[in-house]
Amino acid sequence: EKAVHHNKLKYYVCAYPGAKWTVLPNVRNEQLQDAEKVKKLLSGNLDEPVSSYPPFPGETEASLLRAKIALISAGTVLSPKDYFQEVAADPEIKLLLPSLKPAPDWTPPEKAADLLSIANWTRHYPPIPYSDEIPEDWKPDEETGKYPDVDPEPWPLRPLE
């Protein structure tokens, strides 16, 4: 699915210190698109159905929480400029997604004050794809329920400016 980059990490939550940890479900693209429209105070019960306007395509508060985390991460996780380099997908080593790895020739700035400039930072995650950027035929197979395979494209590290 198009949200594949936003599902690289698993997130765990618990209701209170010492409670059982619960893994949040993977986020789907339609959840990412609608999550920022939903303004809702969460109850704390991950199994609670989400009733909102506009309707949220997730079944439970766990899905809404995971979508909100993905939205926050896409807009706020930063990396120093040129620290990471993009690595294309390689099917031979089962690296199906383009990924990032630290650049071997990167050197930190001489002065910490250089990191105060917004030009020296990039967004670490790809932008959220919105509905007008997704082809209309992007639907799951009716028999299997799976989305079609796509050739993942590396996303550019986006400057903040």
N, C-alpha and C. Protein backbone atom coordinates (compact mmCIF):
# COMPACT_ATOMS: atom_id res chain seq x y z
N GLU A 1 0.84 -1.18 0.00
CA GLU A 1 0.00 0.00 0.00
C GLU A 1 0.89 1.24 0.00
N LYS A 2 0.32 2.39 -0.34
CA LYS A 2 1.09 3.62 -0.45
C LYS A 2 1.66 4.09 0.89
N ALA A 3 1.14 3.61 2.00
CA ALA A 3 1.61 4.05 3.31
C ALA A 3 2.78 3.21 3.81
N VAL A 4 3.42 2.47 2.92
CA VAL A 4 4.42 1.51 3.32
C VAL A 4 5.60 2.16 4.07
N HIS A 5 6.01 3.35 3.68
CA HIS A 5 7.12 4.01 4.35
C HIS A 5 6.78 4.39 5.79
N HIS A 6 5.51 4.63 6.03
CA HIS A 6 5.09 5.06 7.36
C HIS A 6 4.85 3.87 8.28
N ASN A 7 5.03 2.66 7.78
CA ASN A 7 4.87 1.45 8.59
C ASN A 7 6.20 0.75 8.86
N LYS A 8 7.29 1.45 8.66
CA LYS A 8 8.60 0.84 8.90
C LYS A 8 8.82 0.55 10.38
N LEU A 9 8.24 1.34 11.25
CA LEU A 9 8.41 1.17 12.68
C LEU A 9 7.12 0.66 13.31
N LYS A 10 7.25 -0.09 14.38
CA LYS A 10 6.10 -0.53 15.17
C LYS A 10 6.02 0.38 16.39
N TYR A 11 4.80 0.71 16.79
CA TYR A 11 4.58 1.54 17.96
C TYR A 11 3.79 0.75 19.00
N TYR A 12 4.23 0.85 20.25
CA TYR A 12 3.58 0.17 21.36
C TYR A 12 3.03 1.22 22.32
N VAL A 13 1.87 0.93 22.90
CA VAL A 13 1.26 1.84 23.86
C VAL A 13 0.76 1.03 25.05
N CYS A 14 0.62 1.71 26.18
CA CYS A 14 0.00 1.09 27.35
C CYS A 14 -0.87 2.15 28.03
N ALA A 15 -1.88 1.70 28.77
CA ALA A 15 -2.85 2.60 29.36
C ALA A 15 -2.29 3.35 30.57
N TYR A 16 -1.37 2.73 31.28
CA TYR A 16 -0.78 3.35 32.47
C TYR A 16 0.54 2.65 32.75
N PRO A 17 1.43 3.24 33.53
CA PRO A 17 2.72 2.60 33.81
C PRO A 17 2.52 1.23 34.45
N GLY A 18 3.19 0.24 33.90
CA GLY A 18 3.08 -1.12 34.41
C GLY A 18 2.01 -1.94 33.72
N ALA A 19 1.20 -1.31 32.87
CA ALA A 19 0.16 -2.05 32.14
C ALA A 19 0.77 -2.82 30.98
N LYS A 20 -0.01 -3.73 30.43
CA LYS A 20 0.43 -4.53 29.29
C LYS A 20 0.61 -3.64 28.07
N TRP A 21 1.71 -3.86 27.33
CA TRP A 21 1.97 -3.10 26.11
C TRP A 21 1.17 -3.70 24.96
N THR A 22 0.63 -2.83 24.12
CA THR A 22 -0.15 -3.25 22.95
C THR A 22 0.48 -2.63 21.71
N VAL A 23 0.67 -3.46 20.69
CA VAL A 23 1.22 -2.94 19.43
C VAL A 23 0.09 -2.30 18.63
N LEU A 24 0.37 -1.13 18.07
CA LEU A 24 -0.62 -0.44 17.24
C LEU A 24 -0.61 -1.05 15.85
N PRO A 25 -1.76 -1.07 15.17
CA PRO A 25 -1.81 -1.67 13.82
C PRO A 25 -1.10 -0.79 12.80
N ASN A 26 -0.76 -1.40 11.66
CA ASN A 26 -0.20 -0.62 10.56
C ASN A 26 -1.23 0.37 10.06
N VAL A 27 -0.73 1.49 9.56
CA VAL A 27 -1.62 2.54 9.07
C VAL A 27 -1.87 2.34 7.58
N ARG A 28 -3.08 2.61 7.15
CA ARG A 28 -3.43 2.54 5.74
C ARG A 28 -3.50 3.95 5.17
N ASN A 29 -3.34 4.06 3.85
CA ASN A 29 -3.29 5.37 3.23
C ASN A 29 -4.55 6.19 3.46
N GLU A 30 -5.72 5.56 3.35
CA GLU A 30 -6.95 6.33 3.56
C GLU A 30 -7.06 6.83 4.99
N GLN A 31 -6.45 6.11 5.94
CA GLN A 31 -6.43 6.59 7.32
C GLN A 31 -5.54 7.82 7.46
N LEU A 32 -4.40 7.81 6.75
CA LEU A 32 -3.51 8.96 6.79
C LEU A 32 -4.19 10.21 6.24
N GLN A 33 -4.94 10.02 5.17
CA GLN A 33 -5.59 11.16 4.53
C GLN A 33 -6.68 11.75 5.41
N ASP A 34 -7.40 10.91 6.13
CA ASP A 34 -8.53 11.40 6.92
C ASP A 34 -8.18 11.74 8.36
N ALA A 35 -7.05 11.26 8.86
CA ALA A 35 -6.73 11.44 10.28
C ALA A 35 -6.56 12.91 10.66
N GLU A 36 -6.02 13.72 9.76
CA GLU A 36 -5.83 15.12 10.14
C GLU A 36 -7.13 15.91 10.11
N LYS A 37 -8.17 15.36 9.48
CA LYS A 37 -9.47 16.02 9.47
C LYS A 37 -10.26 15.71 10.74
N VAL A 38 -9.92 14.61 11.40
CA VAL A 38 -10.67 14.17 12.58
C VAL A 38 -10.11 14.85 13.83
N LYS A 39 -10.95 15.57 14.52
CA LYS A 39 -10.59 16.20 15.80
C LYS A 39 -11.38 15.48 16.87
N LYS A 40 -10.70 14.65 17.63
CA LYS A 40 -11.40 13.80 18.59
C LYS A 40 -10.53 13.59 19.82
N LEU A 41 -11.14 13.67 20.97
CA LEU A 41 -10.47 13.34 22.22
C LEU A 41 -10.55 11.83 22.39
N LEU A 42 -9.40 11.18 22.51
CA LEU A 42 -9.38 9.73 22.62
C LEU A 42 -9.79 9.30 24.03
N SER A 43 -10.47 8.17 24.11
CA SER A 43 -10.97 7.68 25.41
C SER A 43 -9.90 6.94 26.20
N GLY A 44 -8.88 6.43 25.52
CA GLY A 44 -7.87 5.62 26.18
C GLY A 44 -8.10 4.13 26.00
N ASN A 45 -9.26 3.77 25.49
CA ASN A 45 -9.58 2.38 25.19
C ASN A 45 -9.28 2.14 23.72
N LEU A 46 -8.24 1.37 23.42
CA LEU A 46 -7.83 1.17 22.04
C LEU A 46 -8.86 0.43 21.21
N ASP A 47 -9.75 -0.33 21.84
CA ASP A 47 -10.76 -1.09 21.13
C ASP A 47 -12.06 -0.32 20.90
N GLU A 48 -12.11 0.91 21.39
CA GLU A 48 -13.31 1.74 21.25
C GLU A 48 -13.50 2.13 19.78
N PRO A 49 -14.71 1.97 19.24
CA PRO A 49 -14.94 2.41 17.86
C PRO A 49 -14.84 3.92 17.74
N VAL A 50 -14.39 4.38 16.60
CA VAL A 50 -14.24 5.81 16.36
C VAL A 50 -15.50 6.31 15.65
N SER A 51 -16.21 7.21 16.32
CA SER A 51 -17.35 7.86 15.66
C SER A 51 -17.00 9.33 15.53
N SER A 52 -16.91 9.78 14.31
CA SER A 52 -16.47 11.15 14.07
C SER A 52 -17.07 11.65 12.77
N TYR A 53 -16.96 12.95 12.61
CA TYR A 53 -17.31 13.56 11.32
C TYR A 53 -16.13 14.41 10.91
N PRO A 54 -15.56 14.20 9.77
CA PRO A 54 -15.89 13.18 8.77
C PRO A 54 -15.58 11.78 9.31
N PRO A 55 -16.21 10.76 8.75
CA PRO A 55 -15.99 9.41 9.23
C PRO A 55 -14.53 8.99 9.05
N PHE A 56 -13.99 8.32 10.04
CA PHE A 56 -12.62 7.83 9.98
C PHE A 56 -12.65 6.40 9.47
N PRO A 57 -11.81 6.04 8.48
CA PRO A 57 -11.87 4.70 7.89
C PRO A 57 -11.28 3.59 8.76
N GLY A 58 -10.78 3.92 9.94
CA GLY A 58 -10.27 2.89 10.83
C GLY A 58 -11.38 2.38 11.72
N GLU A 59 -11.19 1.19 12.24
CA GLU A 59 -12.23 0.58 13.05
C GLU A 59 -12.20 1.05 14.50
N THR A 60 -11.01 1.31 15.01
CA THR A 60 -10.87 1.57 16.45
C THR A 60 -9.98 2.78 16.71
N GLU A 61 -9.94 3.15 17.99
CA GLU A 61 -9.06 4.25 18.39
C GLU A 61 -7.59 3.90 18.18
N ALA A 62 -7.25 2.63 18.20
CA ALA A 62 -5.87 2.22 17.94
C ALA A 62 -5.45 2.66 16.53
N SER A 63 -6.34 2.50 15.56
CA SER A 63 -6.04 2.92 14.18
C SER A 63 -5.90 4.43 14.08
N LEU A 64 -6.76 5.15 14.76
CA LEU A 64 -6.69 6.62 14.74
C LEU A 64 -5.40 7.10 15.40
N LEU A 65 -5.05 6.50 16.53
CA LEU A 65 -3.81 6.89 17.21
C LEU A 65 -2.60 6.62 16.33
N ARG A 66 -2.57 5.47 15.65
CA ARG A 66 -1.44 5.14 14.78
C ARG A 66 -1.35 6.11 13.61
N ALA A 67 -2.51 6.49 13.04
CA ALA A 67 -2.51 7.45 11.94
C ALA A 67 -2.02 8.81 12.41
N LYS A 68 -2.43 9.23 13.60
CA LYS A 68 -1.96 10.53 14.14
C LYS A 68 -0.45 10.50 14.36
N ILE A 69 0.08 9.38 14.85
CA ILE A 69 1.54 9.27 15.05
C ILE A 69 2.26 9.37 13.71
N ALA A 70 1.74 8.74 12.67
CA ALA A 70 2.37 8.82 11.35
C ALA A 70 2.35 10.25 10.82
N LEU A 71 1.25 10.96 11.02
CA LEU A 71 1.17 12.36 10.58
C LEU A 71 2.20 13.22 11.30
N ILE A 72 2.30 13.03 12.59
CA ILE A 72 3.26 13.81 13.38
C ILE A 72 4.68 13.49 12.94
N SER A 73 4.98 12.21 12.75
CA SER A 73 6.33 11.81 12.34
C SER A 73 6.70 12.37 10.98
N ALA A 74 5.78 12.32 10.04
CA ALA A 74 6.07 12.80 8.68
C ALA A 74 6.42 14.28 8.68
N GLY A 75 5.86 15.03 9.59
CA GLY A 75 6.11 16.47 9.61
C GLY A 75 7.18 16.94 10.56
N THR A 76 7.61 16.07 11.49
CA THR A 76 8.50 16.57 12.54
C THR A 76 9.82 15.84 12.69
N VAL A 77 9.97 14.63 12.15
CA VAL A 77 11.23 13.90 12.32
C VAL A 77 12.23 14.47 11.32
N LEU A 78 13.32 15.00 11.84
CA LEU A 78 14.32 15.68 11.03
C LEU A 78 15.66 14.97 11.09
N SER A 79 16.47 15.18 10.07
CA SER A 79 17.83 14.66 10.01
C SER A 79 18.75 15.79 9.56
N PRO A 80 20.00 15.79 10.02
CA PRO A 80 20.93 16.78 9.51
C PRO A 80 21.10 16.62 8.00
N LYS A 81 21.19 17.74 7.30
CA LYS A 81 21.32 17.72 5.85
C LYS A 81 22.55 16.91 5.45
N ASP A 82 22.38 16.05 4.45
CA ASP A 82 23.42 15.20 3.88
C ASP A 82 23.92 14.10 4.82
N TYR A 83 23.31 13.93 6.00
CA TYR A 83 23.74 12.85 6.90
C TYR A 83 23.33 11.49 6.34
N PHE A 84 22.13 11.42 5.74
CA PHE A 84 21.66 10.18 5.15
C PHE A 84 21.75 10.24 3.64
N GLN A 85 21.98 9.08 3.05
CA GLN A 85 21.92 8.96 1.60
C GLN A 85 20.87 7.91 1.27
N GLU A 86 20.24 8.08 0.12
CA GLU A 86 19.18 7.17 -0.28
C GLU A 86 19.78 5.92 -0.92
N VAL A 87 19.21 4.77 -0.58
CA VAL A 87 19.63 3.50 -1.13
C VAL A 87 18.43 2.94 -1.88
N ALA A 88 18.61 2.65 -3.15
CA ALA A 88 17.51 2.13 -3.97
C ALA A 88 17.12 0.73 -3.51
N ALA A 89 15.90 0.34 -3.82
CA ALA A 89 15.42 -1.00 -3.49
C ALA A 89 16.26 -2.03 -4.23
N ASP A 90 16.55 -3.14 -3.58
CA ASP A 90 17.35 -4.20 -4.18
C ASP A 90 16.66 -5.54 -3.94
N PRO A 91 15.96 -6.07 -4.97
CA PRO A 91 15.23 -7.32 -4.76
C PRO A 91 16.12 -8.52 -4.47
N GLU A 92 17.39 -8.48 -4.87
CA GLU A 92 18.28 -9.62 -4.63
C GLU A 92 18.56 -9.83 -3.16
N ILE A 93 18.61 -8.75 -2.39
CA ILE A 93 18.87 -8.90 -0.95
C ILE A 93 17.59 -8.68 -0.14
N LYS A 94 16.45 -8.79 -0.84
CA LYS A 94 15.13 -8.67 -0.22
C LYS A 94 14.91 -7.30 0.43
N LEU A 95 15.58 -6.29 -0.07
CA LEU A 95 15.33 -4.91 0.36
C LEU A 95 14.32 -4.35 -0.63
N LEU A 96 13.06 -4.49 -0.29
CA LEU A 96 12.00 -4.13 -1.23
C LEU A 96 11.69 -2.65 -1.23
N LEU A 97 12.05 -1.97 -0.18
CA LEU A 97 11.77 -0.54 -0.09
C LEU A 97 13.05 0.25 -0.22
N PRO A 98 12.97 1.40 -0.84
CA PRO A 98 14.15 2.26 -0.79
C PRO A 98 14.34 2.66 0.67
N SER A 99 15.56 2.82 1.06
CA SER A 99 15.79 3.18 2.45
C SER A 99 16.93 4.19 2.52
N LEU A 100 17.23 4.58 3.73
CA LEU A 100 18.28 5.54 3.98
C LEU A 100 19.37 4.88 4.80
N LYS A 101 20.59 5.28 4.54
CA LYS A 101 21.69 4.83 5.39
C LYS A 101 22.61 6.02 5.61
N PRO A 102 23.33 6.03 6.73
CA PRO A 102 24.24 7.15 6.98
C PRO A 102 25.29 7.27 5.88
N ALA A 103 25.53 8.47 5.45
CA ALA A 103 26.53 8.73 4.42
C ALA A 103 27.92 8.58 5.04
N PRO A 104 28.79 7.79 4.43
CA PRO A 104 30.11 7.57 5.02
C PRO A 104 31.00 8.81 5.03
N ASP A 105 30.75 9.74 4.12
CA ASP A 105 31.63 10.92 4.03
C ASP A 105 31.06 12.13 4.76
N TRP A 106 29.98 11.96 5.51
CA TRP A 106 29.38 13.10 6.22
C TRP A 106 30.23 13.49 7.41
N THR A 107 30.44 14.77 7.55
CA THR A 107 31.15 15.27 8.73
C THR A 107 30.24 16.28 9.42
N PRO A 108 30.21 16.25 10.74
CA PRO A 108 29.36 17.20 11.45
C PRO A 108 29.87 18.62 11.25
N PRO A 109 28.99 19.60 11.39
CA PRO A 109 29.44 20.98 11.25
C PRO A 109 30.48 21.33 12.31
N GLU A 110 31.36 22.25 11.94
CA GLU A 110 32.43 22.64 12.86
C GLU A 110 31.89 23.32 14.10
N LYS A 111 30.84 24.10 13.91
CA LYS A 111 30.24 24.81 15.05
C LYS A 111 28.81 24.33 15.23
N ALA A 112 28.42 24.13 16.48
CA ALA A 112 27.05 23.72 16.77
C ALA A 112 26.06 24.79 16.32
N ALA A 113 26.50 26.03 16.28
CA ALA A 113 25.62 27.12 15.86
C ALA A 113 25.16 26.96 14.41
N ASP A 114 25.95 26.22 13.59
CA ASP A 114 25.54 25.98 12.21
C ASP A 114 24.25 25.16 12.13
N LEU A 115 23.97 24.36 13.15
CA LEU A 115 22.76 23.55 13.15
C LEU A 115 21.51 24.36 13.49
N LEU A 116 21.69 25.61 13.86
CA LEU A 116 20.55 26.46 14.16
C LEU A 116 19.83 26.92 12.90
N SER A 117 20.51 26.85 11.77
CA SER A 117 19.90 27.27 10.51
C SER A 117 18.99 26.17 9.98
N ILE A 118 17.80 26.54 9.57
CA ILE A 118 16.84 25.57 9.04
C ILE A 118 17.33 24.94 7.74
N ALA A 119 18.22 25.60 7.04
CA ALA A 119 18.75 25.07 5.78
C ALA A 119 19.63 23.84 5.99
N ASN A 120 20.06 23.60 7.22
CA ASN A 120 20.93 22.47 7.50
C ASN A 120 20.18 21.23 7.96
N TRP A 121 18.86 21.19 7.75
CA TRP A 121 18.04 20.06 8.17
C TRP A 121 17.16 19.58 7.02
N THR A 122 16.79 18.30 7.03
CA THR A 122 15.85 17.74 6.06
C THR A 122 14.82 16.91 6.80
N ARG A 123 13.65 16.74 6.17
CA ARG A 123 12.63 15.86 6.74
C ARG A 123 13.03 14.42 6.47
N HIS A 124 12.89 13.58 7.47
CA HIS A 124 13.37 12.21 7.38
C HIS A 124 12.39 11.28 6.68
N TYR A 125 11.10 11.52 6.81
CA TYR A 125 10.08 10.65 6.22
C TYR A 125 9.47 11.29 4.99
N PRO A 126 8.94 10.45 4.08
CA PRO A 126 8.30 11.01 2.89
C PRO A 126 7.00 11.72 3.26
N PRO A 127 6.53 12.59 2.39
CA PRO A 127 5.27 13.28 2.69
C PRO A 127 4.09 12.31 2.62
N ILE A 128 3.00 12.67 3.27
CA ILE A 128 1.78 11.87 3.23
C ILE A 128 1.17 12.03 1.84
N PRO A 129 0.89 10.93 1.13
CA PRO A 129 0.24 11.07 -0.17
C PRO A 129 -1.23 11.40 0.01
N TYR A 130 -1.69 12.43 -0.64
CA TYR A 130 -3.09 12.82 -0.54
C TYR A 130 -3.88 12.21 -1.68
N SER A 131 -5.19 12.21 -1.55
CA SER A 131 -6.05 11.48 -2.47
C SER A 131 -5.88 11.92 -3.92
N ASP A 132 -5.57 13.18 -4.18
CA ASP A 132 -5.42 13.61 -5.56
C ASP A 132 -4.09 13.15 -6.17
N GLU A 133 -3.19 12.58 -5.35
CA GLU A 133 -1.92 12.08 -5.85
C GLU A 133 -1.94 10.58 -6.09
N ILE A 134 -3.06 9.92 -5.78
CA ILE A 134 -3.16 8.47 -5.88
C ILE A 134 -4.01 8.12 -7.09
N PRO A 135 -3.56 7.20 -7.94
CA PRO A 135 -4.36 6.83 -9.11
C PRO A 135 -5.72 6.27 -8.70
N GLU A 136 -6.72 6.53 -9.53
CA GLU A 136 -8.07 6.08 -9.22
C GLU A 136 -8.19 4.57 -9.22
N ASP A 137 -7.35 3.88 -9.98
CA ASP A 137 -7.43 2.42 -10.04
C ASP A 137 -6.67 1.75 -8.90
N TRP A 138 -6.22 2.50 -7.94
CA TRP A 138 -5.47 1.95 -6.80
C TRP A 138 -6.45 1.38 -5.79
N LYS A 139 -6.82 0.13 -6.00
CA LYS A 139 -7.80 -0.53 -5.15
C LYS A 139 -7.31 -1.94 -4.87
N PRO A 140 -7.72 -2.52 -3.74
CA PRO A 140 -7.31 -3.90 -3.47
C PRO A 140 -8.01 -4.88 -4.41
N ASP A 141 -7.37 -6.00 -4.65
CA ASP A 141 -7.95 -7.06 -5.46
C ASP A 141 -9.22 -7.57 -4.77
N GLU A 142 -10.27 -7.79 -5.53
CA GLU A 142 -11.54 -8.19 -4.94
C GLU A 142 -11.46 -9.58 -4.31
N GLU A 143 -10.66 -10.48 -4.87
CA GLU A 143 -10.57 -11.85 -4.35
C GLU A 143 -9.65 -11.95 -3.15
N THR A 144 -8.47 -11.36 -3.24
CA THR A 144 -7.48 -11.52 -2.17
C THR A 144 -7.51 -10.39 -1.15
N GLY A 145 -8.01 -9.22 -1.55
CA GLY A 145 -8.01 -8.07 -0.65
C GLY A 145 -6.67 -7.36 -0.58
N LYS A 146 -5.69 -7.80 -1.38
CA LYS A 146 -4.36 -7.20 -1.36
C LYS A 146 -4.26 -6.11 -2.42
N TYR A 147 -3.43 -5.12 -2.13
CA TYR A 147 -3.18 -4.06 -3.09
C TYR A 147 -2.17 -4.54 -4.12
N PRO A 148 -2.20 -3.98 -5.34
CA PRO A 148 -1.25 -4.42 -6.37
C PRO A 148 0.18 -4.07 -6.00
N ASP A 149 1.11 -4.89 -6.50
CA ASP A 149 2.52 -4.60 -6.27
C ASP A 149 2.92 -3.37 -7.07
N VAL A 150 3.77 -2.56 -6.47
CA VAL A 150 4.28 -1.38 -7.15
C VAL A 150 5.79 -1.37 -7.02
N ASP A 151 6.42 -0.70 -7.95
CA ASP A 151 7.86 -0.50 -7.82
C ASP A 151 8.06 0.70 -6.92
N PRO A 152 8.58 0.49 -5.70
CA PRO A 152 8.75 1.64 -4.82
C PRO A 152 9.81 2.59 -5.35
N GLU A 153 9.53 3.84 -5.23
CA GLU A 153 10.48 4.86 -5.67
C GLU A 153 11.12 5.49 -4.44
N PRO A 154 12.43 5.76 -4.51
CA PRO A 154 13.02 6.44 -3.38
C PRO A 154 12.43 7.83 -3.23
N TRP A 155 12.22 8.22 -2.03
CA TRP A 155 11.68 9.55 -1.81
C TRP A 155 12.83 10.50 -1.57
N PRO A 156 12.72 11.70 -2.04
CA PRO A 156 13.82 12.65 -1.80
C PRO A 156 13.77 13.16 -0.37
N LEU A 157 14.93 13.32 0.20
CA LEU A 157 14.99 13.98 1.50
C LEU A 157 14.61 15.43 1.25
N ARG A 158 13.56 15.88 1.91
CA ARG A 158 13.01 17.19 1.61
C ARG A 158 13.57 18.27 2.52
N PRO A 159 14.09 19.34 1.95
CA PRO A 159 14.54 20.43 2.80
C PRO A 159 13.37 21.10 3.50
N LEU A 160 13.65 21.77 4.58
CA LEU A 160 12.59 22.43 5.34
C LEU A 160 12.16 23.75 4.74
N GLU A 161 13.00 24.33 3.94
CA GLU A 161 12.67 25.63 3.38
C GLU A 161 11.68 25.53 2.25
